[in-house]
């Protein structure tokens, strides 16, 4: 009986020694999400916000460069004279508005990235505070601005491509193919910026309203 008790005690110690490293590793080096789901959600939101704002900067700056540098010159022969005509983005007021809006959104996104990296992120700001409301409202304004500018540019590009018989507008893209293709690339960049800003607005709305509900 005594020898059996010693064997059982030795077996129990062996099992405890085998289990303790896994428990220690789970407690010290395990996934932080298993320790606190709220902190894990906050970390994911911060990363998502920072990533989306970087996407907004890259897309808006790329679209702005494509539009501002867009230029094509063509020569047309009318009877015995030659006419040189140049197409630039400033010929379309919708593109001028889009360039201004893209510049504003890019500058705003850079400021928000600096805030995320050097200051408090949206998820660490007190819900319903003045700062949270300011970020939410500015994100909403920027989203509506870039959406309206991208939509107006797309409509102008459509008229340039297809023309409009009702307004007696002729097709011009078959004359300036390079110019229209570069405009189309800039408009795609504007819509990518719009999509990124929509998701950013959703995150700021969640930080403002949903976190208040959780706190209550």
N, C-alpha and C. Protein backbone atom coordinates (compact mmCIF):
# COMPACT_ATOMS: atom_id res chain seq x y z
N UNK A 1 0.83 -1.20 0.00
CA UNK A 1 0.00 0.00 0.00
C UNK A 1 0.87 1.26 0.00
N UNK A 2 1.93 1.22 0.81
CA UNK A 2 2.79 2.38 0.89
C UNK A 2 3.50 2.65 -0.43
N UNK A 3 3.96 1.56 -1.06
CA UNK A 3 4.62 1.72 -2.37
C UNK A 3 3.63 2.22 -3.42
N UNK A 4 2.37 1.78 -3.35
CA UNK A 4 1.36 2.22 -4.31
C UNK A 4 1.08 3.71 -4.14
N UNK A 5 1.03 4.18 -2.87
CA UNK A 5 0.79 5.60 -2.61
C UNK A 5 1.93 6.45 -3.16
N UNK A 6 3.17 5.97 -3.00
CA UNK A 6 4.31 6.72 -3.53
C UNK A 6 4.27 6.80 -5.05
N UNK A 7 3.88 5.68 -5.67
CA UNK A 7 3.77 5.66 -7.13
C UNK A 7 2.71 6.64 -7.60
N UNK A 8 1.57 6.69 -6.90
CA UNK A 8 0.51 7.61 -7.27
C UNK A 8 0.94 9.06 -7.11
N UNK A 9 1.66 9.35 -6.02
CA UNK A 9 2.14 10.72 -5.81
C UNK A 9 3.13 11.13 -6.90
N UNK A 10 4.02 10.22 -7.26
CA UNK A 10 4.99 10.53 -8.32
C UNK A 10 4.30 10.76 -9.65
N UNK A 11 3.29 9.98 -9.94
CA UNK A 11 2.53 10.15 -11.18
C UNK A 11 1.79 11.49 -11.20
N UNK A 12 1.23 11.86 -10.03
CA UNK A 12 0.52 13.14 -9.95
C UNK A 12 1.47 14.31 -10.16
N UNK A 13 2.68 14.23 -9.58
CA UNK A 13 3.66 15.30 -9.77
C UNK A 13 4.10 15.41 -11.22
N UNK A 14 4.23 14.25 -11.86
CA UNK A 14 4.63 14.25 -13.27
C UNK A 14 3.57 14.90 -14.14
N UNK A 15 2.29 14.60 -13.87
CA UNK A 15 1.20 15.20 -14.63
C UNK A 15 1.14 16.71 -14.40
N UNK A 16 1.38 17.13 -13.15
CA UNK A 16 1.36 18.57 -12.85
C UNK A 16 2.50 19.29 -13.55
N UNK A 17 3.68 18.67 -13.60
CA UNK A 17 4.83 19.29 -14.28
C UNK A 17 4.60 19.41 -15.78
N UNK A 18 3.90 18.43 -16.35
CA UNK A 18 3.61 18.49 -17.78
C UNK A 18 2.58 19.54 -18.10
N UNK A 19 1.66 19.79 -17.19
CA UNK A 19 0.59 20.76 -17.44
C UNK A 19 1.01 22.18 -17.16
N UNK A 20 1.96 22.39 -16.27
CA UNK A 20 2.33 23.75 -15.87
C UNK A 20 2.95 24.58 -16.97
N UNK A 21 3.82 24.06 -17.87
CA UNK A 21 4.39 24.91 -18.94
C UNK A 21 3.34 25.45 -19.87
N UNK A 22 2.35 24.62 -20.24
CA UNK A 22 1.30 25.10 -21.13
C UNK A 22 0.46 26.15 -20.48
N UNK A 23 0.22 25.99 -19.16
CA UNK A 23 -0.58 27.00 -18.45
C UNK A 23 0.18 28.30 -18.36
N UNK A 24 1.53 28.16 -18.09
CA UNK A 24 2.32 29.39 -17.98
C UNK A 24 2.40 30.10 -19.31
N UNK A 25 2.60 29.34 -20.37
CA UNK A 25 2.69 29.97 -21.69
C UNK A 25 1.37 30.58 -22.08
N UNK A 26 0.26 29.96 -21.70
CA UNK A 26 -1.04 30.53 -22.02
C UNK A 26 -1.30 31.80 -21.27
N UNK A 27 -0.76 31.87 -20.03
CA UNK A 27 -0.99 33.07 -19.24
C UNK A 27 -0.06 34.19 -19.62
N UNK A 28 1.20 33.88 -20.01
CA UNK A 28 2.16 34.95 -20.26
C UNK A 28 2.25 35.31 -21.72
N UNK A 29 2.29 34.33 -22.61
CA UNK A 29 2.51 34.62 -24.02
C UNK A 29 1.35 34.26 -24.90
N UNK A 30 0.18 34.07 -24.33
CA UNK A 30 -0.98 33.70 -25.13
C UNK A 30 -1.54 34.87 -25.89
N UNK A 31 -2.63 34.62 -26.57
CA UNK A 31 -3.29 35.65 -27.36
C UNK A 31 -3.93 36.66 -26.44
N UNK A 32 -3.62 37.96 -26.57
CA UNK A 32 -4.23 38.95 -25.72
C UNK A 32 -5.73 39.01 -25.88
N UNK A 33 -6.25 38.54 -27.02
CA UNK A 33 -7.68 38.58 -27.23
C UNK A 33 -8.41 37.66 -26.26
N UNK A 34 -7.72 36.57 -25.82
CA UNK A 34 -8.36 35.65 -24.89
C UNK A 34 -8.44 36.24 -23.50
N UNK A 35 -7.61 37.24 -23.22
CA UNK A 35 -7.62 37.86 -21.91
C UNK A 35 -8.65 38.96 -21.82
N UNK A 36 -8.82 39.72 -22.87
CA UNK A 36 -9.77 40.83 -22.84
C UNK A 36 -10.32 41.04 -24.25
N UNK A 37 -11.57 40.70 -24.44
CA UNK A 37 -12.17 40.85 -25.76
C UNK A 37 -12.36 42.31 -26.13
N UNK A 38 -12.63 43.15 -25.15
CA UNK A 38 -12.83 44.58 -25.44
C UNK A 38 -11.55 45.24 -25.91
N UNK A 39 -10.42 44.92 -25.24
CA UNK A 39 -9.14 45.50 -25.67
C UNK A 39 -8.74 44.97 -27.04
N UNK A 40 -9.08 43.69 -27.30
CA UNK A 40 -8.77 43.12 -28.62
C UNK A 40 -9.57 43.83 -29.71
N UNK A 41 -10.86 44.07 -29.45
CA UNK A 41 -11.69 44.79 -30.42
C UNK A 41 -11.17 46.19 -30.66
N UNK A 42 -10.71 46.84 -29.57
CA UNK A 42 -10.16 48.18 -29.72
C UNK A 42 -8.91 48.20 -30.56
N UNK A 43 -8.04 47.20 -30.38
CA UNK A 43 -6.82 47.11 -31.18
C UNK A 43 -7.14 46.89 -32.65
N UNK A 44 -8.10 46.02 -32.93
CA UNK A 44 -8.48 45.76 -34.31
C UNK A 44 -9.07 47.01 -34.96
N UNK A 45 -9.89 47.74 -34.21
CA UNK A 45 -10.48 48.97 -34.76
C UNK A 45 -9.40 50.01 -35.05
N UNK A 46 -8.42 50.13 -34.15
CA UNK A 46 -7.33 51.09 -34.38
C UNK A 46 -6.55 50.73 -35.63
N UNK A 47 -6.25 49.45 -35.79
CA UNK A 47 -5.52 49.02 -36.99
C UNK A 47 -6.35 49.23 -38.25
N UNK A 48 -7.64 48.92 -38.17
CA UNK A 48 -8.51 49.12 -39.33
C UNK A 48 -8.62 50.59 -39.69
N UNK A 49 -8.78 51.43 -38.69
CA UNK A 49 -8.87 52.87 -38.95
C UNK A 49 -7.60 53.40 -39.60
N UNK A 50 -6.45 53.00 -39.05
CA UNK A 50 -5.18 53.47 -39.60
C UNK A 50 -4.97 52.98 -41.02
N UNK A 51 -5.32 51.72 -41.28
CA UNK A 51 -5.17 51.17 -42.63
C UNK A 51 -6.07 51.89 -43.63
N UNK A 52 -7.31 52.12 -43.25
CA UNK A 52 -8.25 52.78 -44.16
C UNK A 52 -7.84 54.22 -44.42
N UNK A 53 -7.32 54.90 -43.43
CA UNK A 53 -6.88 56.28 -43.65
C UNK A 53 -5.65 56.31 -44.56
N UNK A 54 -4.77 55.33 -44.44
CA UNK A 54 -3.64 55.24 -45.37
C UNK A 54 -4.11 54.98 -46.79
N UNK A 55 -5.12 54.11 -46.93
CA UNK A 55 -5.70 53.85 -48.26
C UNK A 55 -6.31 55.13 -48.83
N UNK A 56 -7.00 55.90 -47.98
CA UNK A 56 -7.60 57.15 -48.44
C UNK A 56 -6.54 58.14 -48.92
N UNK A 57 -5.42 58.21 -48.21
CA UNK A 57 -4.34 59.12 -48.62
C UNK A 57 -3.74 58.69 -49.95
N UNK A 58 -3.42 57.40 -50.06
CA UNK A 58 -2.79 56.91 -51.30
C UNK A 58 -3.72 57.09 -52.50
N UNK A 59 -5.00 56.71 -52.32
CA UNK A 59 -5.95 56.80 -53.43
C UNK A 59 -6.22 58.25 -53.82
N UNK A 60 -6.40 59.12 -52.84
CA UNK A 60 -6.70 60.53 -53.15
C UNK A 60 -5.52 61.23 -53.80
N UNK A 61 -4.31 60.98 -53.31
CA UNK A 61 -3.14 61.62 -53.90
C UNK A 61 -2.91 61.08 -55.32
N UNK A 62 -3.09 59.78 -55.50
CA UNK A 62 -2.91 59.21 -56.84
C UNK A 62 -3.94 59.78 -57.82
N UNK A 63 -5.20 59.85 -57.39
CA UNK A 63 -6.23 60.42 -58.26
C UNK A 63 -5.94 61.89 -58.57
N UNK A 64 -5.48 62.63 -57.58
CA UNK A 64 -5.17 64.04 -57.79
C UNK A 64 -4.04 64.21 -58.80
N UNK A 65 -3.01 63.38 -58.70
CA UNK A 65 -1.89 63.47 -59.64
C UNK A 65 -2.35 63.12 -61.06
N UNK A 66 -3.17 62.08 -61.19
CA UNK A 66 -3.67 61.70 -62.51
C UNK A 66 -4.48 62.82 -63.15
N UNK A 67 -5.31 63.48 -62.36
CA UNK A 67 -6.17 64.53 -62.92
C UNK A 67 -5.40 65.80 -63.24
N UNK A 68 -4.55 66.22 -62.31
CA UNK A 68 -3.84 67.50 -62.49
C UNK A 68 -2.85 67.42 -63.66
N UNK A 69 -2.21 66.29 -63.83
CA UNK A 69 -1.21 66.15 -64.90
C UNK A 69 -1.81 65.72 -66.23
N UNK A 70 -3.12 65.58 -66.28
CA UNK A 70 -3.76 65.12 -67.52
C UNK A 70 -3.78 66.23 -68.55
N UNK A 71 -3.21 65.94 -69.71
CA UNK A 71 -3.14 66.94 -70.79
C UNK A 71 -2.90 66.21 -72.11
N UNK A 72 -3.58 66.68 -73.13
CA UNK A 72 -3.37 66.12 -74.47
C UNK A 72 -3.57 67.22 -75.50
N UNK A 73 -2.64 67.29 -76.44
CA UNK A 73 -2.69 68.29 -77.50
C UNK A 73 -2.88 67.61 -78.84
N UNK A 74 -3.80 68.14 -79.61
CA UNK A 74 -4.05 67.60 -80.95
C UNK A 74 -4.14 68.74 -81.95
N UNK A 75 -3.79 68.44 -83.17
CA UNK A 75 -3.89 69.42 -84.25
C UNK A 75 -4.97 68.97 -85.24
N UNK A 76 -5.78 69.93 -85.66
CA UNK A 76 -6.86 69.66 -86.60
C UNK A 76 -6.68 70.56 -87.82
N UNK A 77 -6.89 69.99 -88.98
CA UNK A 77 -6.77 70.75 -90.22
C UNK A 77 -8.16 71.13 -90.70
N UNK A 78 -8.40 72.43 -90.77
CA UNK A 78 -9.67 72.95 -91.26
C UNK A 78 -9.39 73.74 -92.53
N UNK A 79 -9.88 73.15 -93.63
CA UNK A 79 -9.57 73.72 -94.95
C UNK A 79 -8.05 73.78 -95.12
N UNK A 80 -7.51 74.96 -95.16
CA UNK A 80 -6.05 75.08 -95.38
C UNK A 80 -5.31 75.50 -94.12
N UNK A 81 -6.02 75.69 -93.03
CA UNK A 81 -5.38 76.13 -91.78
C UNK A 81 -5.34 74.97 -90.78
N UNK A 82 -4.37 75.04 -89.89
CA UNK A 82 -4.19 74.03 -88.85
C UNK A 82 -4.49 74.65 -87.49
N UNK A 83 -5.36 74.00 -86.76
CA UNK A 83 -5.76 74.47 -85.43
C UNK A 83 -5.21 73.49 -84.39
N UNK A 84 -4.51 74.01 -83.40
CA UNK A 84 -3.98 73.19 -82.31
C UNK A 84 -4.88 73.37 -81.09
N UNK A 85 -5.41 72.29 -80.62
CA UNK A 85 -6.33 72.32 -79.48
C UNK A 85 -5.76 71.47 -78.36
N UNK A 86 -5.79 72.01 -77.15
CA UNK A 86 -5.25 71.30 -75.98
C UNK A 86 -6.37 71.01 -75.00
N UNK A 87 -6.42 69.79 -74.50
CA UNK A 87 -7.40 69.38 -73.50
C UNK A 87 -6.70 69.24 -72.15
N UNK A 88 -7.17 69.96 -71.15
CA UNK A 88 -6.63 69.89 -69.79
C UNK A 88 -7.79 69.70 -68.82
N UNK A 89 -7.45 69.30 -67.60
CA UNK A 89 -8.50 69.01 -66.62
C UNK A 89 -9.32 70.24 -66.26
N UNK A 90 -8.72 71.43 -66.36
CA UNK A 90 -9.42 72.65 -65.99
C UNK A 90 -10.53 73.01 -66.98
N UNK A 91 -10.59 72.32 -68.12
CA UNK A 91 -11.68 72.56 -69.06
C UNK A 91 -13.01 72.04 -68.52
N UNK A 92 -12.97 71.12 -67.56
CA UNK A 92 -14.18 70.56 -66.97
C UNK A 92 -14.26 71.01 -65.51
N UNK A 93 -15.26 71.80 -65.20
CA UNK A 93 -15.39 72.34 -63.85
C UNK A 93 -15.56 71.24 -62.81
N UNK A 94 -16.19 70.13 -63.20
CA UNK A 94 -16.37 69.02 -62.27
C UNK A 94 -15.02 68.44 -61.86
N UNK A 95 -14.06 68.38 -62.79
CA UNK A 95 -12.74 67.87 -62.47
C UNK A 95 -11.97 68.84 -61.58
N UNK A 96 -12.18 70.12 -61.78
CA UNK A 96 -11.53 71.11 -60.90
C UNK A 96 -12.04 70.94 -59.47
N UNK A 97 -13.36 70.80 -59.32
CA UNK A 97 -13.93 70.58 -57.99
C UNK A 97 -13.42 69.28 -57.38
N UNK A 98 -13.29 68.24 -58.21
CA UNK A 98 -12.80 66.97 -57.72
C UNK A 98 -11.36 67.09 -57.23
N UNK A 99 -10.53 67.84 -57.96
CA UNK A 99 -9.14 68.01 -57.54
C UNK A 99 -9.05 68.75 -56.20
N UNK A 100 -9.85 69.78 -56.05
CA UNK A 100 -9.85 70.52 -54.78
C UNK A 100 -10.30 69.62 -53.64
N UNK A 101 -11.35 68.85 -53.88
CA UNK A 101 -11.87 67.95 -52.83
C UNK A 101 -10.85 66.87 -52.49
N UNK A 102 -10.21 66.30 -53.51
CA UNK A 102 -9.19 65.28 -53.26
C UNK A 102 -8.04 65.83 -52.43
N UNK A 103 -7.62 67.06 -52.72
CA UNK A 103 -6.57 67.67 -51.92
C UNK A 103 -6.98 67.86 -50.47
N UNK A 104 -8.22 68.29 -50.25
CA UNK A 104 -8.71 68.48 -48.88
C UNK A 104 -8.77 67.16 -48.13
N UNK A 105 -9.31 66.14 -48.79
CA UNK A 105 -9.43 64.83 -48.15
C UNK A 105 -8.05 64.23 -47.86
N UNK A 106 -7.11 64.39 -48.78
CA UNK A 106 -5.76 63.87 -48.55
C UNK A 106 -5.10 64.56 -47.36
N UNK A 107 -5.22 65.88 -47.29
CA UNK A 107 -4.63 66.63 -46.18
C UNK A 107 -5.29 66.24 -44.86
N UNK A 108 -6.60 66.12 -44.87
CA UNK A 108 -7.32 65.71 -43.65
C UNK A 108 -6.92 64.30 -43.22
N UNK A 109 -6.77 63.39 -44.17
CA UNK A 109 -6.40 62.02 -43.83
C UNK A 109 -5.00 61.95 -43.25
N UNK A 110 -4.09 62.76 -43.78
CA UNK A 110 -2.73 62.79 -43.23
C UNK A 110 -2.75 63.26 -41.78
N UNK A 111 -3.54 64.30 -41.49
CA UNK A 111 -3.66 64.79 -40.11
C UNK A 111 -4.21 63.71 -39.20
N UNK A 112 -5.20 62.96 -39.68
CA UNK A 112 -5.78 61.90 -38.87
C UNK A 112 -4.80 60.76 -38.65
N UNK A 113 -3.96 60.46 -39.65
CA UNK A 113 -2.94 59.43 -39.48
C UNK A 113 -1.93 59.86 -38.41
N UNK A 114 -1.54 61.13 -38.44
CA UNK A 114 -0.62 61.64 -37.42
C UNK A 114 -1.25 61.52 -36.04
N UNK A 115 -2.55 61.82 -35.94
CA UNK A 115 -3.25 61.68 -34.66
C UNK A 115 -3.27 60.23 -34.20
N UNK A 116 -3.51 59.32 -35.12
CA UNK A 116 -3.55 57.89 -34.75
C UNK A 116 -2.20 57.39 -34.28
N UNK A 117 -1.11 57.91 -34.89
CA UNK A 117 0.22 57.43 -34.55
C UNK A 117 0.81 58.12 -33.32
N UNK A 118 0.57 59.42 -33.19
CA UNK A 118 1.21 60.20 -32.13
C UNK A 118 0.28 60.56 -30.99
N UNK A 119 -1.02 60.54 -31.22
CA UNK A 119 -1.97 60.93 -30.20
C UNK A 119 -2.95 59.82 -29.92
N UNK A 120 -4.02 60.13 -29.22
CA UNK A 120 -5.04 59.11 -28.92
C UNK A 120 -5.81 58.72 -30.16
N UNK A 121 -6.05 57.43 -30.31
CA UNK A 121 -6.86 56.94 -31.43
C UNK A 121 -8.33 57.14 -31.11
N UNK A 122 -9.17 56.90 -32.12
CA UNK A 122 -10.60 57.09 -31.93
C UNK A 122 -11.16 56.16 -30.87
N UNK A 123 -10.59 54.95 -30.77
CA UNK A 123 -11.11 53.99 -29.81
C UNK A 123 -10.68 54.29 -28.38
N UNK A 124 -9.63 55.10 -28.22
CA UNK A 124 -9.19 55.45 -26.87
C UNK A 124 -9.73 56.79 -26.40
N UNK A 125 -10.43 57.50 -27.28
CA UNK A 125 -11.05 58.77 -26.90
C UNK A 125 -12.37 58.49 -26.19
N UNK A 126 -12.66 59.27 -25.17
CA UNK A 126 -13.88 59.06 -24.40
C UNK A 126 -15.10 59.21 -25.30
N UNK A 127 -15.99 58.20 -25.32
CA UNK A 127 -17.19 58.29 -26.17
C UNK A 127 -18.04 59.51 -25.79
N UNK A 128 -18.70 60.09 -26.79
CA UNK A 128 -19.59 61.25 -26.64
C UNK A 128 -18.85 62.50 -26.19
N UNK A 129 -17.52 62.50 -26.21
CA UNK A 129 -16.77 63.70 -25.87
C UNK A 129 -16.74 64.63 -27.08
N UNK A 130 -16.25 65.86 -26.86
CA UNK A 130 -16.20 66.83 -27.95
C UNK A 130 -15.25 66.36 -29.05
N UNK A 131 -14.14 65.72 -28.67
CA UNK A 131 -13.19 65.23 -29.67
C UNK A 131 -13.81 64.13 -30.52
N UNK A 132 -14.53 63.21 -29.87
CA UNK A 132 -15.18 62.13 -30.62
C UNK A 132 -16.22 62.67 -31.58
N UNK A 133 -16.99 63.65 -31.14
CA UNK A 133 -17.99 64.28 -32.02
C UNK A 133 -17.32 65.00 -33.18
N UNK A 134 -16.21 65.68 -32.91
CA UNK A 134 -15.51 66.40 -33.97
C UNK A 134 -14.99 65.44 -35.04
N UNK A 135 -14.36 64.34 -34.61
CA UNK A 135 -13.86 63.35 -35.57
C UNK A 135 -15.00 62.76 -36.37
N UNK A 136 -16.11 62.44 -35.70
CA UNK A 136 -17.26 61.85 -36.39
C UNK A 136 -17.82 62.81 -37.44
N UNK A 137 -18.01 64.08 -37.07
CA UNK A 137 -18.61 65.05 -38.00
C UNK A 137 -17.66 65.33 -39.17
N UNK A 138 -16.37 65.46 -38.90
CA UNK A 138 -15.42 65.71 -39.99
C UNK A 138 -15.34 64.53 -40.94
N UNK A 139 -15.37 63.31 -40.40
CA UNK A 139 -15.37 62.13 -41.27
C UNK A 139 -16.62 62.10 -42.16
N UNK A 140 -17.76 62.47 -41.59
CA UNK A 140 -18.99 62.50 -42.37
C UNK A 140 -18.91 63.55 -43.48
N UNK A 141 -18.41 64.74 -43.14
CA UNK A 141 -18.31 65.82 -44.13
C UNK A 141 -17.38 65.41 -45.27
N UNK A 142 -16.22 64.84 -44.93
CA UNK A 142 -15.26 64.43 -45.96
C UNK A 142 -15.84 63.33 -46.84
N UNK A 143 -16.61 62.43 -46.24
CA UNK A 143 -17.21 61.34 -47.02
C UNK A 143 -18.20 61.89 -48.03
N UNK A 144 -19.08 62.79 -47.61
CA UNK A 144 -20.06 63.35 -48.53
C UNK A 144 -19.40 64.22 -49.60
N UNK A 145 -18.36 64.93 -49.23
CA UNK A 145 -17.66 65.77 -50.20
C UNK A 145 -17.04 64.94 -51.31
N UNK A 146 -16.30 63.89 -50.93
CA UNK A 146 -15.61 63.09 -51.95
C UNK A 146 -16.61 62.27 -52.77
N UNK A 147 -17.70 61.83 -52.15
CA UNK A 147 -18.71 61.09 -52.91
C UNK A 147 -19.37 61.99 -53.96
N UNK A 148 -19.72 63.20 -53.57
CA UNK A 148 -20.37 64.11 -54.52
C UNK A 148 -19.41 64.53 -55.63
N UNK A 149 -18.14 64.76 -55.27
CA UNK A 149 -17.16 65.15 -56.29
C UNK A 149 -16.91 64.00 -57.26
N UNK A 150 -16.81 62.77 -56.75
CA UNK A 150 -16.58 61.62 -57.63
C UNK A 150 -17.78 61.38 -58.54
N UNK A 151 -18.99 61.54 -58.00
CA UNK A 151 -20.19 61.34 -58.81
C UNK A 151 -20.30 62.40 -59.91
N UNK A 152 -20.01 63.66 -59.56
CA UNK A 152 -20.07 64.72 -60.57
C UNK A 152 -19.03 64.52 -61.66
N UNK A 153 -17.84 64.09 -61.28
CA UNK A 153 -16.79 63.83 -62.28
C UNK A 153 -17.17 62.67 -63.19
N UNK A 154 -17.77 61.64 -62.60
CA UNK A 154 -18.18 60.49 -63.41
C UNK A 154 -19.27 60.88 -64.40
N UNK A 155 -20.18 61.74 -63.99
CA UNK A 155 -21.24 62.19 -64.91
C UNK A 155 -20.66 63.01 -66.05
N UNK A 156 -19.73 63.91 -65.74
CA UNK A 156 -19.09 64.71 -66.79
C UNK A 156 -18.30 63.82 -67.75
N UNK A 157 -17.63 62.82 -67.20
CA UNK A 157 -16.87 61.91 -68.07
C UNK A 157 -17.81 61.10 -68.96
N UNK A 158 -18.97 60.74 -68.42
CA UNK A 158 -19.94 60.00 -69.23
C UNK A 158 -20.44 60.84 -70.40
N UNK A 159 -20.74 62.11 -70.14
CA UNK A 159 -21.19 62.99 -71.21
C UNK A 159 -20.09 63.19 -72.25
N UNK A 160 -18.84 63.24 -71.79
CA UNK A 160 -17.73 63.39 -72.74
C UNK A 160 -17.56 62.15 -73.60
N UNK A 161 -17.88 61.00 -73.03
CA UNK A 161 -17.74 59.74 -73.76
C UNK A 161 -18.92 59.48 -74.68
N UNK A 162 -20.14 59.72 -74.18
CA UNK A 162 -21.34 59.37 -74.93
C UNK A 162 -22.03 60.56 -75.59
N UNK A 163 -21.74 61.77 -75.12
CA UNK A 163 -22.45 62.94 -75.64
C UNK A 163 -23.87 63.01 -75.09
N UNK A 164 -24.58 64.04 -75.48
CA UNK A 164 -25.97 64.20 -75.04
C UNK A 164 -26.73 64.95 -76.12
N UNK A 165 -27.65 64.25 -76.74
CA UNK A 165 -28.40 64.86 -77.84
C UNK A 165 -29.33 65.96 -77.36
N UNK A 166 -29.87 65.80 -76.15
CA UNK A 166 -30.80 66.80 -75.63
C UNK A 166 -30.15 68.16 -75.46
N UNK A 167 -28.90 68.17 -74.99
CA UNK A 167 -28.17 69.42 -74.79
C UNK A 167 -27.25 69.75 -75.97
N UNK A 168 -27.30 68.92 -77.03
CA UNK A 168 -26.46 69.13 -78.21
C UNK A 168 -24.98 69.06 -77.85
N UNK A 169 -24.64 68.16 -76.92
CA UNK A 169 -23.25 67.97 -76.55
C UNK A 169 -22.67 66.84 -77.37
N UNK A 170 -21.57 67.10 -78.03
CA UNK A 170 -20.96 66.10 -78.90
C UNK A 170 -19.97 65.23 -78.10
N UNK A 171 -19.68 64.09 -78.66
CA UNK A 171 -18.67 63.21 -78.07
C UNK A 171 -17.29 63.78 -78.33
N UNK A 172 -16.46 63.75 -77.31
CA UNK A 172 -15.10 64.29 -77.46
C UNK A 172 -14.03 63.27 -77.12
N UNK A 173 -14.41 62.19 -76.46
CA UNK A 173 -13.39 61.23 -76.02
C UNK A 173 -12.77 60.47 -77.19
N UNK A 174 -13.48 60.38 -78.30
CA UNK A 174 -12.86 59.70 -79.44
C UNK A 174 -11.77 60.58 -80.07
N UNK A 175 -11.79 61.87 -79.75
CA UNK A 175 -10.75 62.76 -80.22
C UNK A 175 -9.57 62.83 -79.25
N UNK A 176 -9.86 62.69 -77.95
CA UNK A 176 -8.84 62.78 -76.90
C UNK A 176 -8.89 61.51 -76.06
N UNK A 177 -8.45 60.43 -76.64
CA UNK A 177 -8.54 59.13 -75.96
C UNK A 177 -7.62 59.07 -74.74
N UNK A 178 -6.38 59.52 -74.90
CA UNK A 178 -5.45 59.49 -73.77
C UNK A 178 -5.97 60.34 -72.62
N UNK A 179 -6.46 61.51 -72.94
CA UNK A 179 -6.97 62.40 -71.91
C UNK A 179 -8.13 61.75 -71.15
N UNK A 180 -9.05 61.15 -71.87
CA UNK A 180 -10.22 60.55 -71.23
C UNK A 180 -9.85 59.31 -70.42
N UNK A 181 -8.88 58.54 -70.90
CA UNK A 181 -8.46 57.36 -70.14
C UNK A 181 -7.81 57.76 -68.82
N UNK A 182 -7.02 58.82 -68.84
CA UNK A 182 -6.38 59.27 -67.61
C UNK A 182 -7.42 59.87 -66.66
N UNK A 183 -8.41 60.56 -67.20
CA UNK A 183 -9.50 61.06 -66.37
C UNK A 183 -10.24 59.90 -65.70
N UNK A 184 -10.49 58.86 -66.47
CA UNK A 184 -11.17 57.69 -65.91
C UNK A 184 -10.38 57.06 -64.78
N UNK A 185 -9.05 56.99 -64.92
CA UNK A 185 -8.23 56.46 -63.84
C UNK A 185 -8.32 57.32 -62.59
N UNK A 186 -8.31 58.64 -62.77
CA UNK A 186 -8.45 59.54 -61.63
C UNK A 186 -9.80 59.40 -60.95
N UNK A 187 -10.85 59.19 -61.74
CA UNK A 187 -12.18 59.02 -61.16
C UNK A 187 -12.27 57.71 -60.37
N UNK A 188 -11.62 56.67 -60.88
CA UNK A 188 -11.60 55.41 -60.13
C UNK A 188 -10.91 55.60 -58.78
N UNK A 189 -9.80 56.34 -58.78
CA UNK A 189 -9.14 56.65 -57.52
C UNK A 189 -10.02 57.44 -56.58
N UNK A 190 -10.84 58.34 -57.13
CA UNK A 190 -11.77 59.10 -56.29
C UNK A 190 -12.80 58.20 -55.64
N UNK A 191 -13.29 57.22 -56.38
CA UNK A 191 -14.28 56.30 -55.81
C UNK A 191 -13.63 55.37 -54.78
N UNK A 192 -12.38 54.99 -55.00
CA UNK A 192 -11.67 54.19 -53.98
C UNK A 192 -11.54 55.00 -52.69
N UNK A 193 -11.21 56.27 -52.82
CA UNK A 193 -11.16 57.15 -51.65
C UNK A 193 -12.52 57.24 -50.98
N UNK A 194 -13.58 57.31 -51.78
CA UNK A 194 -14.93 57.39 -51.22
C UNK A 194 -15.27 56.15 -50.41
N UNK A 195 -14.93 54.98 -50.94
CA UNK A 195 -15.22 53.73 -50.23
C UNK A 195 -14.45 53.68 -48.91
N UNK A 196 -13.18 54.08 -48.95
CA UNK A 196 -12.38 54.09 -47.71
C UNK A 196 -12.99 55.05 -46.69
N UNK A 197 -13.44 56.22 -47.14
CA UNK A 197 -14.04 57.19 -46.21
C UNK A 197 -15.37 56.70 -45.66
N UNK A 198 -16.12 55.93 -46.44
CA UNK A 198 -17.38 55.36 -45.93
C UNK A 198 -17.11 54.43 -44.76
N UNK A 199 -16.11 53.56 -44.89
CA UNK A 199 -15.77 52.64 -43.81
C UNK A 199 -15.19 53.39 -42.61
N UNK A 200 -14.41 54.43 -42.87
CA UNK A 200 -13.88 55.25 -41.78
C UNK A 200 -15.01 55.92 -41.02
N UNK A 201 -16.01 56.42 -41.74
CA UNK A 201 -17.16 57.04 -41.09
C UNK A 201 -17.92 56.04 -40.24
N UNK A 202 -18.00 54.80 -40.72
CA UNK A 202 -18.67 53.76 -39.94
C UNK A 202 -17.92 53.48 -38.64
N UNK A 203 -16.59 53.48 -38.70
CA UNK A 203 -15.79 53.25 -37.50
C UNK A 203 -15.96 54.40 -36.51
N UNK A 204 -15.92 55.63 -37.00
CA UNK A 204 -16.08 56.77 -36.09
C UNK A 204 -17.48 56.81 -35.51
N UNK A 205 -18.49 56.39 -36.29
CA UNK A 205 -19.86 56.32 -35.76
C UNK A 205 -19.96 55.25 -34.68
N UNK A 206 -19.30 54.12 -34.89
CA UNK A 206 -19.30 53.06 -33.88
C UNK A 206 -18.63 53.54 -32.60
N UNK A 207 -17.48 54.23 -32.75
CA UNK A 207 -16.77 54.74 -31.57
C UNK A 207 -17.61 55.74 -30.80
N UNK A 208 -18.45 56.47 -31.50
CA UNK A 208 -19.24 57.51 -30.85
C UNK A 208 -20.52 56.97 -30.22
N UNK A 209 -21.24 56.09 -30.94
CA UNK A 209 -22.56 55.67 -30.48
C UNK A 209 -22.56 54.27 -29.85
N UNK A 210 -21.94 53.30 -30.52
CA UNK A 210 -22.00 51.93 -30.00
C UNK A 210 -21.26 51.79 -28.69
N UNK A 211 -20.13 52.44 -28.55
CA UNK A 211 -19.36 52.35 -27.30
C UNK A 211 -20.08 53.01 -26.14
N UNK A 212 -20.91 54.00 -26.44
CA UNK A 212 -21.72 54.61 -25.38
C UNK A 212 -22.73 53.60 -24.86
N UNK A 213 -23.35 52.85 -25.77
CA UNK A 213 -24.31 51.82 -25.36
C UNK A 213 -23.63 50.75 -24.52
N UNK A 214 -22.41 50.35 -24.92
CA UNK A 214 -21.69 49.33 -24.16
C UNK A 214 -21.35 49.86 -22.77
N UNK A 215 -20.96 51.14 -22.71
CA UNK A 215 -20.60 51.70 -21.41
C UNK A 215 -21.80 51.75 -20.49
N UNK A 216 -22.97 52.06 -21.06
CA UNK A 216 -24.16 52.10 -20.22
C UNK A 216 -24.60 50.70 -19.80
